[in-house]
Amino acid sequence: MMKCGYRFTTYEEIDRDEVLVIKRDGTRQTFDRSKVDKAIRIACGKRPVSDEQIRTMIDHVVANLEGDEVSADKIAELVMHELHKVDEVAYIRFASVYRQFKDVAQFLSAITEIVKK
């Protein structure tokens, strides 16, 4: 009997039929779950966030996409909502890029907003 010594796991994912994303410049492209995954993983880098939590956040984002077209801003807001629930530092990281923070005052404002909640 041969043993490979590896364990294989499959995951179920929520999938949406052909949702178009409306970018800030007005162009449209097909929704790509892997882009949301990459953005969340970057924000969660070196944070205590598990793969399972990341998959759950992505599933929640995908499940909340409404209609055949959705703005990139709406997707970013959904991602920020999920990150805020899981890890506030990851939320600030993502928000700083998405909202294009220009200075420390904007960081402080975002942090103050979190602390008040």
Protein backbone atom coordinates (compact mmCIF):
# COMPACT_ATOMS: atom_id res chain seq x y z
CA MET A 1 0.00 0.00 0.00
CA MET A 2 1.36 3.42 -0.98
CA LYS A 3 0.93 6.55 1.05
CA CYS A 4 1.47 10.00 -0.35
CA GLY A 5 1.55 11.79 2.99
CA TYR A 6 -0.45 14.77 1.70
CA ARG A 7 -3.91 15.91 2.59
CA PHE A 8 -6.15 17.47 -0.01
CA THR A 9 -8.97 19.80 0.92
CA THR A 10 -11.72 21.30 -1.18
CA TYR A 11 -13.63 24.46 -0.38
CA GLU A 12 -17.03 25.55 -1.54
CA GLU A 13 -17.25 29.14 -2.75
CA ILE A 14 -20.12 31.39 -3.61
CA ASP A 15 -19.96 32.12 -7.31
CA ARG A 16 -21.86 34.79 -9.20
CA ASP A 17 -22.75 34.65 -12.87
CA GLU A 18 -21.05 37.36 -14.88
CA VAL A 19 -21.17 40.37 -12.59
CA LEU A 20 -19.57 43.39 -14.21
CA VAL A 21 -17.51 45.76 -12.10
CA ILE A 22 -17.71 49.45 -12.97
CA LYS A 23 -14.27 50.90 -12.34
CA ARG A 24 -13.66 54.50 -11.23
CA ASP A 25 -12.70 55.46 -14.79
CA GLY A 26 -16.03 54.12 -16.09
CA THR A 27 -14.64 50.98 -17.71
CA ARG A 28 -16.27 47.64 -16.99
CA GLN A 29 -14.68 44.29 -16.36
CA THR A 30 -15.87 40.91 -15.18
CA PHE A 31 -15.84 40.45 -11.41
CA ASP A 32 -12.78 38.49 -10.34
CA ARG A 33 -12.99 36.86 -6.91
CA SER A 34 -9.20 36.43 -6.86
CA LYS A 35 -8.72 40.22 -6.87
CA VAL A 36 -10.81 40.54 -3.71
CA ASP A 37 -8.85 37.66 -2.20
CA LYS A 38 -5.53 39.31 -3.01
CA ALA A 39 -6.60 42.70 -1.61
CA ILE A 40 -7.83 41.16 1.64
CA ARG A 41 -4.70 39.03 2.02
CA ILE A 42 -2.48 42.08 1.54
CA ALA A 43 -4.46 44.02 4.16
CA CYS A 44 -4.28 41.05 6.55
CA GLY A 45 -0.56 40.44 6.03
CA LYS A 46 1.14 39.38 9.28
CA ARG A 47 -2.14 39.78 11.17
CA PRO A 48 -3.86 37.02 13.18
CA VAL A 49 -6.43 36.33 10.47
CA SER A 50 -6.94 32.74 9.33
CA ASP A 51 -7.50 31.48 5.80
CA GLU A 52 -10.99 30.43 6.88
CA GLN A 53 -11.78 33.98 8.03
CA ILE A 54 -10.52 35.35 4.71
CA ARG A 55 -12.64 32.89 2.72
CA THR A 56 -15.67 33.81 4.83
CA MET A 57 -15.10 37.53 4.25
CA ILE A 58 -14.84 36.97 0.49
CA ASP A 59 -18.01 34.85 0.51
CA HIS A 60 -19.86 37.63 2.35
CA VAL A 61 -18.64 40.22 -0.18
CA VAL A 62 -19.72 38.04 -3.12
CA ALA A 63 -23.08 37.24 -1.50
CA ASN A 64 -23.79 40.96 -1.11
CA LEU A 65 -23.16 41.89 -4.73
CA GLU A 66 -26.48 43.04 -6.10
CA GLY A 67 -27.44 43.12 -9.75
CA ASP A 68 -25.51 42.47 -12.94
CA GLU A 69 -23.25 45.51 -12.48
CA VAL A 70 -21.64 46.79 -9.32
CA SER A 71 -19.23 49.67 -8.76
CA ALA A 72 -15.70 49.03 -7.59
CA ASP A 73 -16.47 51.48 -4.77
CA LYS A 74 -19.35 49.27 -3.57
CA ILE A 75 -17.05 46.23 -3.55
CA ALA A 76 -14.44 48.18 -1.58
CA GLU A 77 -17.09 49.27 0.95
CA LEU A 78 -18.17 45.63 1.38
CA VAL A 79 -14.54 44.58 1.89
CA MET A 80 -14.01 47.33 4.46
CA HIS A 81 -17.15 46.27 6.32
CA GLU A 82 -15.89 42.68 6.53
CA LEU A 83 -12.36 43.70 7.53
CA HIS A 84 -13.71 46.02 10.23
CA LYS A 85 -15.51 43.05 11.84
CA VAL A 86 -12.42 40.81 11.74
CA ASP A 87 -9.32 42.97 12.23
CA GLU A 88 -9.20 46.74 12.71
CA VAL A 89 -5.57 47.06 11.63
CA ALA A 90 -6.30 45.26 8.37
CA TYR A 91 -9.31 47.55 7.95
CA ILE A 92 -7.12 50.66 8.32
CA ARG A 93 -4.57 49.24 5.88
CA PHE A 94 -7.23 48.59 3.25
CA ALA A 95 -9.02 51.89 3.87
CA SER A 96 -5.79 53.87 3.55
CA VAL A 97 -5.28 52.53 0.03
CA TYR A 98 -8.93 52.57 -1.06
CA ARG A 99 -9.64 56.04 0.33
CA GLN A 100 -6.21 57.26 -0.80
CA PHE A 101 -5.19 58.83 2.51
CA LYS A 102 -2.99 61.83 1.76
CA ASP A 103 -1.63 62.55 5.24
CA VAL A 104 -1.47 61.46 8.87
CA ALA A 105 -4.59 63.46 9.73
CA GLN A 106 -6.68 61.15 7.55
CA PHE A 107 -5.18 58.10 9.30
CA LEU A 108 -5.96 59.62 12.69
CA SER A 109 -9.50 60.39 11.63
CA ALA A 110 -10.06 56.79 10.52
CA ILE A 111 -8.53 55.43 13.73
CA THR A 112 -10.63 57.80 15.85
CA GLU A 113 -13.73 56.58 14.02
CA ILE A 114 -12.87 52.98 14.97
CA VAL A 115 -12.15 53.85 18.60
CA LYS A 116 -15.52 55.61 18.96
CA LYS A 117 -17.38 52.44 17.88
